[in-house]
N, C-alpha and C. Protein backbone atom coordinates (compact mmCIF):
# COMPACT_ATOMS: atom_id res chain seq x y z
N UNK A 1 6.78 4.76 11.96
CA UNK A 1 7.71 5.46 11.88
C UNK A 1 7.99 5.57 13.81
N UNK A 2 8.61 5.89 14.46
CA UNK A 2 8.94 5.64 15.49
C UNK A 2 8.36 7.05 15.81
N UNK A 3 8.29 7.47 17.24
CA UNK A 3 6.99 8.53 17.98
C UNK A 3 8.25 9.94 17.94
N UNK A 4 9.33 9.45 17.87
CA UNK A 4 10.70 10.18 17.75
C UNK A 4 10.27 11.05 16.39
N UNK A 5 10.39 10.06 15.52
CA UNK A 5 10.38 10.39 14.09
C UNK A 5 8.90 11.05 13.11
N UNK A 6 7.91 10.50 14.67
CA UNK A 6 6.80 11.31 13.99
C UNK A 6 7.13 12.72 14.53
N UNK A 7 7.80 13.00 15.89
CA UNK A 7 8.00 14.52 16.02
C UNK A 7 8.67 15.35 15.15
N UNK A 8 9.26 14.84 14.74
CA UNK A 8 10.48 15.31 13.80
C UNK A 8 9.71 15.86 12.68
N UNK A 9 8.65 14.82 12.14
CA UNK A 9 7.68 15.18 10.82
C UNK A 9 6.92 16.51 11.26
N UNK A 10 6.35 16.00 12.70
CA UNK A 10 5.61 17.49 13.19
C UNK A 10 6.21 18.69 13.02
N UNK A 11 7.19 18.70 13.47
CA UNK A 11 8.53 19.91 13.53
C UNK A 11 8.66 20.46 11.94
N UNK A 12 9.29 19.56 10.93
CA UNK A 12 9.08 19.55 9.90
C UNK A 12 7.95 20.20 9.11
N UNK A 13 6.86 20.44 9.41
CA UNK A 13 5.38 20.54 9.03
C UNK A 13 5.00 22.04 9.75
N UNK A 14 5.35 22.47 10.60
CA UNK A 14 5.27 23.32 11.59
C UNK A 14 6.60 24.48 10.89
N UNK A 15 7.56 23.66 10.43
CA UNK A 15 8.60 24.59 9.68
C UNK A 15 8.51 25.00 8.62
N UNK A 16 8.38 24.27 7.73
CA UNK A 16 7.82 23.77 6.24
C UNK A 16 6.78 23.47 5.87
N UNK A 17 5.50 24.48 6.23
CA UNK A 17 4.64 23.62 5.68
C UNK A 17 4.06 23.72 4.14
N UNK A 18 5.26 24.76 3.31
CA UNK A 18 5.25 24.38 2.09
C UNK A 18 5.26 23.33 1.60
N UNK A 19 6.15 22.27 2.17
CA UNK A 19 6.50 20.89 1.60
C UNK A 19 5.73 19.79 1.86
N UNK A 20 4.40 19.98 2.37
CA UNK A 20 3.30 19.33 3.25
C UNK A 20 2.21 19.68 2.92
N UNK A 21 1.43 19.46 1.55
CA UNK A 21 -0.09 20.13 1.00
C UNK A 21 -1.06 19.99 1.19
N UNK A 22 -1.19 19.23 2.26
CA UNK A 22 -2.52 19.69 3.76
C UNK A 22 -2.26 20.77 4.43
N UNK A 23 -1.17 20.95 4.74
CA UNK A 23 -0.96 22.22 5.90
C UNK A 23 -0.63 23.20 4.84
N UNK A 24 -0.75 23.48 4.03
CA UNK A 24 -0.70 24.41 3.02
C UNK A 24 -1.95 25.13 3.28
N UNK A 25 -2.90 24.58 3.91
CA UNK A 25 -4.23 25.21 4.07
C UNK A 25 -3.87 25.75 5.57
N UNK A 26 -4.02 26.99 5.64
CA UNK A 26 -4.11 27.95 6.82
C UNK A 26 -4.97 27.00 8.08
N UNK A 27 -6.14 26.85 8.18
CA UNK A 27 -6.96 26.11 8.91
C UNK A 27 -5.93 24.56 9.54
N UNK A 28 -5.70 23.71 9.00
CA UNK A 28 -4.61 22.68 9.02
C UNK A 28 -3.58 23.15 10.05
N UNK A 29 -2.91 23.94 9.41
CA UNK A 29 -1.51 24.42 9.89
C UNK A 29 -1.97 25.16 11.14
N UNK A 30 -2.69 26.05 11.53
CA UNK A 30 -3.27 26.44 12.56
C UNK A 30 -3.10 25.49 13.60
N UNK A 31 -4.40 24.42 13.56
CA UNK A 31 -4.44 23.19 14.43
C UNK A 31 -3.39 22.23 14.52
N UNK A 32 -2.12 22.46 13.55
CA UNK A 32 -1.12 21.83 14.43
C UNK A 32 -0.22 22.40 15.02
N UNK A 33 -0.40 23.81 14.89
CA UNK A 33 0.35 24.48 15.52
C UNK A 33 -0.08 24.52 17.45
N UNK A 34 -1.31 24.50 17.10
CA UNK A 34 -2.07 24.39 18.08
C UNK A 34 -1.73 22.93 19.41
N UNK A 35 -1.49 21.75 18.40
CA UNK A 35 -1.42 20.95 18.86
C UNK A 35 -0.09 20.61 19.14
N UNK A 36 0.64 21.10 18.47
CA UNK A 36 2.40 20.53 19.15
C UNK A 36 2.30 21.23 20.47
N UNK A 37 1.91 22.51 20.51
CA UNK A 37 1.88 23.37 22.14
C UNK A 37 0.98 22.14 22.99
N UNK A 38 -0.11 21.73 22.78
CA UNK A 38 -0.75 20.63 23.52
C UNK A 38 -0.14 19.54 23.54
N UNK A 39 0.49 18.84 22.76
CA UNK A 39 1.66 17.40 23.28
C UNK A 39 2.66 18.13 23.77
N UNK A 40 3.29 18.87 23.48
CA UNK A 40 4.41 19.02 23.97
C UNK A 40 4.15 19.27 26.14
N UNK A 41 2.93 19.95 26.36
CA UNK A 41 2.30 20.01 27.63
C UNK A 41 2.20 18.69 28.02
N UNK A 42 1.72 17.83 27.58
CA UNK A 42 1.32 16.46 27.68
C UNK A 42 2.73 15.72 28.03
N UNK A 43 3.61 15.99 27.28
CA UNK A 43 4.92 15.45 27.28
C UNK A 43 5.37 15.64 28.36
N UNK A 44 5.30 16.79 28.70
CA UNK A 44 6.08 17.22 30.23
C UNK A 44 5.05 17.29 31.53
N UNK A 45 4.25 16.83 31.32
CA UNK A 45 3.24 17.13 32.85
C UNK A 45 2.70 15.37 33.02
N UNK A 46 2.29 14.59 31.72
CA UNK A 46 1.67 13.20 32.28
C UNK A 46 2.48 12.36 32.71
N UNK A 47 2.27 11.34 33.28
CA UNK A 47 2.80 10.39 33.97
C UNK A 47 1.75 9.43 34.52
N UNK A 48 2.09 8.39 33.39
CA UNK A 48 1.50 7.15 33.82
C UNK A 48 1.15 6.76 35.56
N UNK A 49 -0.05 6.38 36.21
CA UNK A 49 -0.13 6.30 37.36
C UNK A 49 0.57 5.29 38.41
N UNK A 50 0.70 5.07 39.24
CA UNK A 50 1.85 3.74 39.66
C UNK A 50 0.60 2.30 39.53
N UNK A 51 -0.55 2.58 39.50
CA UNK A 51 -1.50 1.62 39.35
C UNK A 51 -0.86 0.99 37.80
N UNK A 52 -1.61 1.82 36.96
CA UNK A 52 -1.10 1.19 35.77
C UNK A 52 0.47 1.40 35.27
N UNK A 53 1.32 1.81 36.11
CA UNK A 53 2.75 1.36 35.93
C UNK A 53 2.88 -0.12 36.22
N UNK A 54 2.50 -0.22 37.42
CA UNK A 54 1.98 -1.86 38.32
C UNK A 54 1.76 -2.74 37.17
N UNK A 55 0.29 -2.41 36.48
CA UNK A 55 0.35 -3.40 35.74
C UNK A 55 0.55 -3.59 34.37
N UNK A 56 1.01 -2.39 33.62
CA UNK A 56 1.84 -2.64 32.51
C UNK A 56 2.99 -3.63 32.47
N UNK A 57 3.94 -3.53 33.84
CA UNK A 57 4.98 -3.92 33.72
C UNK A 57 4.85 -5.49 33.86
N UNK A 58 3.61 -6.11 33.77
CA UNK A 58 3.11 -7.17 34.65
C UNK A 58 2.86 -7.91 32.91
N UNK A 59 3.21 -7.01 31.94
CA UNK A 59 3.27 -7.68 30.52
C UNK A 59 4.39 -8.01 30.18
N UNK A 60 4.44 -9.59 29.83
CA UNK A 60 5.79 -10.31 29.48
C UNK A 60 5.87 -10.61 28.27
N UNK A 61 5.10 -10.55 27.03
CA UNK A 61 5.50 -11.11 26.14
C UNK A 61 5.27 -9.68 25.18
N UNK A 62 5.83 -9.77 24.04
CA UNK A 62 6.31 -8.60 23.16
C UNK A 62 4.85 -7.80 22.51
N UNK A 63 4.66 -6.78 22.80
CA UNK A 63 3.79 -6.30 22.29
C UNK A 63 4.08 -4.86 21.21
N UNK A 64 3.14 -4.84 20.05
CA UNK A 64 3.66 -3.27 19.35
C UNK A 64 2.29 -2.73 19.44
N UNK A 65 2.11 -1.72 19.91
CA UNK A 65 1.50 -0.55 19.91
C UNK A 65 1.50 0.49 18.91
N UNK A 66 0.29 0.12 17.74
CA UNK A 66 0.65 0.76 16.45
C UNK A 66 -1.01 2.09 16.42
N UNK A 67 0.09 3.35 16.31
CA UNK A 67 -0.86 4.27 16.75
C UNK A 67 -1.08 5.16 15.31
N UNK A 68 -2.69 5.08 14.86
CA UNK A 68 -2.95 5.77 13.49
C UNK A 68 -3.37 7.39 13.94
N UNK A 69 -2.70 8.50 13.49
CA UNK A 69 -2.86 9.60 13.65
C UNK A 69 -2.22 10.58 12.76
N UNK A 70 -2.47 11.91 13.36
CA UNK A 70 -1.88 13.11 12.19
C UNK A 70 -1.78 13.91 13.01
N UNK A 71 -0.83 15.02 12.81
CA UNK A 71 -0.49 15.85 13.32
C UNK A 71 -1.58 16.87 13.68
N UNK A 72 -2.71 17.08 12.98
CA UNK A 72 -3.34 18.02 12.71
C UNK A 72 -4.88 18.00 13.68
N UNK A 73 -5.05 16.46 13.86
CA UNK A 73 -5.95 16.01 14.99
C UNK A 73 -5.65 16.49 16.07
N UNK A 74 -6.82 17.50 16.79
CA UNK A 74 -7.03 17.72 18.42
C UNK A 74 -7.20 16.62 19.12
N UNK A 75 -7.26 15.49 19.18
CA UNK A 75 -7.60 14.47 20.19
C UNK A 75 -6.24 13.77 19.80
N UNK A 76 -5.57 13.62 19.16
CA UNK A 76 -4.79 12.59 19.28
C UNK A 76 -3.41 13.94 19.84
N UNK A 77 -3.21 15.07 19.71
CA UNK A 77 -2.24 15.60 20.62
C UNK A 77 -2.88 15.67 21.82
N UNK A 78 -3.90 15.36 22.37
CA UNK A 78 -3.75 14.75 23.58
C UNK A 78 -3.64 13.30 23.77
N UNK A 79 -4.00 12.36 23.55
CA UNK A 79 -3.85 10.94 23.83
C UNK A 79 -2.53 10.41 22.89
N UNK A 80 -1.67 10.81 22.06
CA UNK A 80 -0.85 10.12 21.38
C UNK A 80 0.48 10.10 22.61
N UNK A 81 0.55 11.54 22.88
CA UNK A 81 1.61 11.18 23.96
C UNK A 81 1.49 10.59 25.30
N UNK A 82 -0.02 10.48 25.63
CA UNK A 82 0.12 9.95 26.74
C UNK A 82 0.19 8.18 26.40
N UNK A 83 -0.51 7.62 25.57
CA UNK A 83 -0.27 6.12 24.77
C UNK A 83 1.19 6.05 24.52
N UNK A 84 2.02 7.00 24.04
CA UNK A 84 3.61 6.53 23.89
C UNK A 84 4.20 6.51 25.48
N UNK A 85 3.83 7.63 26.48
CA UNK A 85 4.49 7.30 27.75
C UNK A 85 3.89 6.30 28.42
N UNK A 86 2.79 5.77 28.07
CA UNK A 86 2.20 4.59 28.60
C UNK A 86 2.91 3.53 28.44
N UNK A 87 3.01 3.00 27.05
CA UNK A 87 4.31 1.79 26.70
C UNK A 87 5.26 2.40 26.81
N UNK A 88 5.81 3.11 26.92
CA UNK A 88 7.45 3.41 27.19
C UNK A 88 7.61 2.87 29.02
N UNK A 89 6.64 3.00 29.60
CA UNK A 89 6.89 1.80 30.64
C UNK A 89 7.25 0.78 30.61
N UNK A 90 6.99 -0.41 29.57
CA UNK A 90 7.82 -1.40 29.46
C UNK A 90 8.44 -1.83 28.40
N UNK A 91 9.85 -2.35 28.69
CA UNK A 91 10.20 -2.90 26.89
C UNK A 91 10.05 -3.61 25.85
N UNK A 92 8.70 -4.17 26.79
CA UNK A 92 8.38 -5.64 26.04
C UNK A 92 7.10 -4.62 24.70
N UNK A 93 6.84 -3.24 25.19
CA UNK A 93 6.28 -2.82 24.12
C UNK A 93 6.86 -1.45 23.35
N UNK A 94 6.17 -2.02 21.81
CA UNK A 94 7.03 -0.54 21.08
C UNK A 94 6.00 -0.23 20.47
N UNK A 95 6.32 1.11 19.96
CA UNK A 95 5.41 1.85 19.35
C UNK A 95 5.82 2.22 17.87
N UNK A 96 4.53 2.14 17.08
CA UNK A 96 4.64 2.31 15.50
C UNK A 96 3.15 3.33 15.35
N UNK A 97 3.95 4.35 15.12
CA UNK A 97 2.54 5.86 14.60
C UNK A 97 3.12 5.62 13.01
N UNK A 98 1.22 5.50 12.63
CA UNK A 98 1.24 5.22 11.03
C UNK A 98 0.18 6.72 11.12
N UNK A 99 0.39 7.32 9.71
CA UNK A 99 0.10 8.37 9.35
C UNK A 99 -1.46 8.12 8.88
N UNK A 100 -2.80 8.74 9.22
CA UNK A 100 -4.10 8.13 8.57
C UNK A 100 -4.17 8.18 7.14
N UNK A 101 -3.52 9.44 6.62
CA UNK A 101 -3.58 10.16 5.10
C UNK A 101 -2.57 9.63 4.61
N UNK A 102 -1.97 8.56 4.84
CA UNK A 102 -0.72 8.06 4.18
C UNK A 102 -0.60 6.69 4.01
N UNK A 103 0.22 6.21 2.40
CA UNK A 103 0.14 4.81 2.58
C UNK A 103 0.98 4.15 3.87
N UNK A 104 0.57 3.10 4.39
CA UNK A 104 -0.53 2.14 3.91
C UNK A 104 -2.01 2.19 4.12
N UNK A 105 -2.44 3.50 4.63
CA UNK A 105 -3.94 3.51 4.97
C UNK A 105 -4.38 2.29 5.70
N UNK A 106 -3.47 2.09 6.71
CA UNK A 106 -3.98 0.93 7.70
C UNK A 106 -5.69 1.81 8.21
N UNK A 107 -5.91 2.59 8.44
CA UNK A 107 -7.14 3.34 8.95
C UNK A 107 -8.41 2.54 8.12
N UNK A 108 -8.03 2.42 6.37
CA UNK A 108 -9.35 1.43 6.41
C UNK A 108 -9.86 0.29 6.91
N UNK A 109 -8.35 0.05 7.70
CA UNK A 109 -9.08 -1.50 8.25
C UNK A 109 -9.80 -1.08 9.85
N UNK A 110 -9.57 0.24 10.17
CA UNK A 110 -10.26 0.32 11.51
C UNK A 110 -11.28 1.64 11.73
N UNK A 111 -12.46 1.43 10.88
CA UNK A 111 -12.86 1.92 10.92
C UNK A 111 -13.96 2.77 11.87
N UNK A 112 -14.29 3.67 12.54
CA UNK A 112 -15.32 4.24 13.64
C UNK A 112 -16.81 4.26 13.16
N UNK A 113 -17.72 3.50 12.93
CA UNK A 113 -18.72 3.66 12.50
C UNK A 113 -18.75 4.47 10.88
N UNK A 114 -17.49 3.64 10.22
CA UNK A 114 -17.47 3.93 8.86
C UNK A 114 -16.71 5.07 8.32
N UNK A 115 -16.18 5.72 9.62
CA UNK A 115 -15.82 6.86 9.06
C UNK A 115 -13.99 7.02 9.68
N UNK A 116 -12.89 7.71 9.18
CA UNK A 116 -11.60 7.11 9.64
C UNK A 116 -11.27 8.40 10.67
N UNK A 117 -11.97 8.20 11.96
CA UNK A 117 -11.76 8.78 13.30
C UNK A 117 -10.36 8.40 13.55
N UNK A 118 -9.63 9.51 14.39
CA UNK A 118 -8.31 9.28 14.98
C UNK A 118 -8.39 10.09 16.20
N UNK A 119 -7.19 9.51 17.32
CA UNK A 119 -6.46 8.57 17.26
C UNK A 119 -6.99 7.33 17.23
N UNK A 120 -6.49 6.16 16.57
CA UNK A 120 -6.29 4.88 16.83
C UNK A 120 -5.55 4.03 17.64
N UNK A 121 -5.92 3.03 18.54
CA UNK A 121 -4.25 2.37 19.14
C UNK A 121 -4.40 0.88 18.42
N UNK A 122 -3.87 0.46 18.34
CA UNK A 122 -4.06 -0.88 17.56
C UNK A 122 -2.77 -1.89 18.61
N UNK A 123 -3.56 -2.42 19.15
CA UNK A 123 -2.25 -3.39 20.30
C UNK A 123 -2.25 -5.05 19.94
N UNK A 124 -1.32 -5.02 19.35
CA UNK A 124 -0.74 -6.39 18.44
C UNK A 124 0.34 -7.38 19.45
N UNK A 125 0.18 -8.76 18.95
CA UNK A 125 0.87 -9.47 19.83
C UNK A 125 2.44 -9.85 19.21
N UNK A 126 3.18 -10.52 19.55
CA UNK A 126 4.59 -10.52 18.65
C UNK A 126 4.40 -11.56 17.39
N UNK A 127 3.12 -12.34 17.49
CA UNK A 127 3.18 -12.56 15.97
C UNK A 127 1.98 -11.64 15.00
N UNK A 128 1.73 -10.66 15.57
CA UNK A 128 1.06 -9.91 14.75
C UNK A 128 -0.25 -10.01 14.69
N UNK A 129 -1.11 -10.74 15.71
CA UNK A 129 -2.59 -10.72 14.98
C UNK A 129 -3.15 -9.46 16.83
N UNK A 130 -3.64 -9.11 16.34
CA UNK A 130 -4.70 -7.91 17.11
C UNK A 130 -4.93 -8.37 18.61
N UNK A 131 -4.74 -7.86 19.76
CA UNK A 131 -5.03 -7.99 20.71
C UNK A 131 -6.70 -7.17 21.76
N UNK A 132 -6.42 -5.77 20.76
CA UNK A 132 -7.29 -4.74 21.25
C UNK A 132 -7.58 -3.58 20.36
N UNK A 133 -8.53 -2.99 20.12
CA UNK A 133 -8.18 -1.74 19.71
C UNK A 133 -9.16 -0.55 20.07
N UNK A 134 -8.60 0.44 20.34
CA UNK A 134 -8.72 1.31 21.24
C UNK A 134 -8.73 2.63 20.30
N UNK A 135 -10.16 3.72 21.00
CA UNK A 135 -9.90 4.99 19.36
C UNK A 135 -11.73 5.13 19.31
N UNK A 136 -11.69 6.76 19.04
CA UNK A 136 -10.92 7.62 18.77
C UNK A 136 -10.75 8.62 20.26
N UNK A 137 -11.51 8.21 20.90
CA UNK A 137 -11.33 9.17 22.08
C UNK A 137 -11.73 8.51 23.39
N UNK A 138 -11.28 8.95 24.53
CA UNK A 138 -12.02 7.55 25.86
C UNK A 138 -13.55 8.11 26.15
N UNK A 139 -14.31 7.12 26.50
CA UNK A 139 -15.58 7.15 26.24
C UNK A 139 -16.20 8.29 27.09
N UNK A 140 -15.86 9.06 28.17
CA UNK A 140 -16.25 10.01 28.79
C UNK A 140 -16.20 10.97 27.51
N UNK A 141 -15.20 11.16 27.24
CA UNK A 141 -14.58 12.32 25.80
C UNK A 141 -16.13 12.35 24.95
N UNK A 142 -16.03 10.77 24.50
CA UNK A 142 -16.64 10.75 23.15
C UNK A 142 -17.96 10.74 23.49
N UNK A 143 -18.50 10.54 24.93
CA UNK A 143 -20.31 10.81 25.39
C UNK A 143 -20.37 12.17 25.34
N UNK A 144 -19.61 12.99 25.77
CA UNK A 144 -19.56 14.58 25.52
C UNK A 144 -19.72 14.99 24.26
N UNK A 145 -18.78 14.67 23.56
CA UNK A 145 -18.91 14.91 22.04
C UNK A 145 -20.18 14.32 21.34
N UNK A 146 -20.66 13.56 21.85
CA UNK A 146 -21.69 12.86 20.88
C UNK A 146 -22.67 13.48 21.38
N UNK A 147 -22.95 13.75 22.77
CA UNK A 147 -24.04 14.77 23.46
C UNK A 147 -24.20 16.20 22.79
N UNK A 148 -23.09 17.29 22.67
CA UNK A 148 -22.69 17.85 22.18
C UNK A 148 -23.18 18.10 20.69
N UNK A 149 -22.89 17.04 19.90
CA UNK A 149 -23.06 17.05 19.05
C UNK A 149 -24.43 16.80 18.38
N UNK A 150 -25.48 16.05 19.23
CA UNK A 150 -26.52 16.02 19.21
C UNK A 150 -27.63 17.11 19.51
N UNK A 151 -27.27 17.69 20.65
CA UNK A 151 -27.71 19.35 20.58
C UNK A 151 -27.35 20.41 19.65
N UNK A 152 -26.87 20.29 18.63
CA UNK A 152 -26.48 21.01 17.52
C UNK A 152 -25.73 22.53 18.07
N UNK A 153 -24.64 21.77 18.60
CA UNK A 153 -24.06 23.21 19.24
C UNK A 153 -22.73 23.13 18.27
N UNK A 154 -22.46 24.36 18.14
CA UNK A 154 -21.51 24.84 17.22
C UNK A 154 -20.08 24.17 17.37
N UNK A 155 -19.46 23.98 16.50
CA UNK A 155 -18.09 22.65 16.05
C UNK A 155 -17.21 23.37 17.00
N UNK A 156 -16.79 24.67 16.85
CA UNK A 156 -15.98 25.39 17.70
C UNK A 156 -15.98 25.55 19.16
N UNK A 157 -17.74 25.56 19.40
CA UNK A 157 -17.88 25.22 21.52
C UNK A 157 -17.66 23.88 21.41
N UNK A 158 -17.89 22.66 20.63
CA UNK A 158 -17.49 21.02 20.38
C UNK A 158 -16.13 21.35 21.39
N UNK A 159 -15.37 21.84 20.43
CA UNK A 159 -13.70 21.35 20.61
C UNK A 159 -13.27 22.16 21.81
N UNK A 160 -14.09 23.36 22.13
CA UNK A 160 -13.52 24.19 23.23
C UNK A 160 -13.93 23.02 24.44
N UNK A 161 -15.16 22.16 24.75
CA UNK A 161 -15.21 21.66 25.89
C UNK A 161 -14.40 20.27 25.74
N UNK A 162 -14.35 19.82 24.58
CA UNK A 162 -13.28 18.47 24.70
C UNK A 162 -12.19 19.03 25.55
N UNK A 163 -11.53 20.34 24.86
CA UNK A 163 -10.37 20.72 25.62
C UNK A 163 -10.45 20.57 26.75
N UNK A 164 -11.70 21.20 27.25
CA UNK A 164 -11.76 21.13 28.77
C UNK A 164 -11.71 19.51 29.57
N UNK A 165 -12.31 18.95 28.44
CA UNK A 165 -12.52 17.45 29.51
C UNK A 165 -11.06 16.81 29.31
N UNK A 166 -10.24 16.92 28.17
CA UNK A 166 -8.87 16.58 28.45
C UNK A 166 -8.17 16.99 29.82
N UNK A 167 -8.12 18.16 29.90
CA UNK A 167 -7.63 19.09 30.43
C UNK A 167 -8.14 18.65 32.31
N UNK A 168 -9.11 18.65 32.42
CA UNK A 168 -9.63 18.05 33.75
C UNK A 168 -9.66 16.24 33.92
N UNK A 169 -9.73 15.87 32.74
CA UNK A 169 -9.24 14.18 33.06
C UNK A 169 -7.66 13.99 33.19
N UNK A 170 -6.87 14.51 32.54
CA UNK A 170 -5.66 14.48 33.02
C UNK A 170 -4.95 13.17 32.43
N UNK A 171 -5.63 12.55 31.90
CA UNK A 171 -5.36 11.39 31.11
C UNK A 171 -5.85 9.72 31.77
N UNK A 172 -6.30 10.23 33.00
CA UNK A 172 -6.92 8.95 34.14
C UNK A 172 -7.83 7.81 33.30
N UNK A 173 -8.87 8.72 32.31
CA UNK A 173 -10.01 7.51 31.91
C UNK A 173 -8.53 6.69 30.59
N UNK A 174 -8.14 7.33 30.06
CA UNK A 174 -7.44 6.39 28.43
C UNK A 174 -6.31 5.35 29.47
N UNK A 175 -6.12 5.23 30.65
CA UNK A 175 -5.08 4.49 31.60
C UNK A 175 -5.91 3.43 31.68
N UNK A 176 -7.23 4.10 32.42
CA UNK A 176 -8.02 2.92 32.88
C UNK A 176 -8.44 2.09 31.55
N UNK A 177 -9.00 2.69 30.76
CA UNK A 177 -9.65 1.89 29.02
C UNK A 177 -8.33 1.10 28.59
N UNK A 178 -6.98 1.45 28.52
CA UNK A 178 -6.24 0.56 27.89
C UNK A 178 -5.72 -0.54 28.98
N UNK A 179 -5.93 0.01 30.12
CA UNK A 179 -5.56 -1.84 31.32
C UNK A 179 -6.95 -2.60 30.89
N UNK A 180 -8.26 -2.00 31.00
CA UNK A 180 -9.36 -2.86 30.82
C UNK A 180 -9.33 -3.66 29.46
N UNK A 181 -8.54 -3.25 28.35
CA UNK A 181 -8.73 -3.87 27.21
C UNK A 181 -7.39 -4.89 27.39
N UNK A 182 -6.64 -4.78 27.93
CA UNK A 182 -5.41 -5.49 28.19
C UNK A 182 -5.55 -6.58 28.99
N UNK A 183 -6.67 -6.58 29.97
CA UNK A 183 -6.67 -7.49 31.14
C UNK A 183 -8.10 -8.22 30.65
N UNK A 184 -8.66 -8.16 29.53
CA UNK A 184 -9.38 -9.51 29.14
C UNK A 184 -8.92 -10.38 28.21
C-alpha cells in the first residue's frame, strides 16, 4: 500500500478499533495512539539533510523501498516517516508499505535473529532483486536497546530510553545507514 493508504488505515484503527481485532486490546490501541502523535511530529519536523538529499538524487535507476511495519510499533513511529520522506526526495524511488501481521507475510523472509522485528526496509531494483535490507532500528539505538535489555531493565524503562535516543538523534543515523547501504 502507499504511505497515504497506510496513514488512512492507521487513522481508521484509531477511529474504529472495533473493526481491527489486534487493536481491541487496549495496550495495542494505546501504543497506536502514541505512535500516531510521534509520526505526526516527524512528518512535520524531519527533513533529510542536504548531504542525504544530494546523495539520494544521484540514484538514477528505479528503486522500490518496501517497508514492513505495523501501527503499534514504537520504532516504526520514528523510522517510517523518516524513510518515506527520504524516499520522496527522488522520483525514481517508490514506497510500498507492507503490514507485518497481514498476508503476504513478507516479514517471514526478513527475520532478525529469528524474530519478526520491525520496521524492516527492503530496497529493490527495478527487476525486483534486493539491493539492501535495513532494520529494525538504527545501530546506535539497537546497541542501546541490547545494552538495557542485558542489564535487565524494565521494558517501560527501555521504551523511554529508546524514545529519548530517537528524539536526540533526529534521524541523523538512519540517513547515514541508508546512504552507506546504497553506496555498497
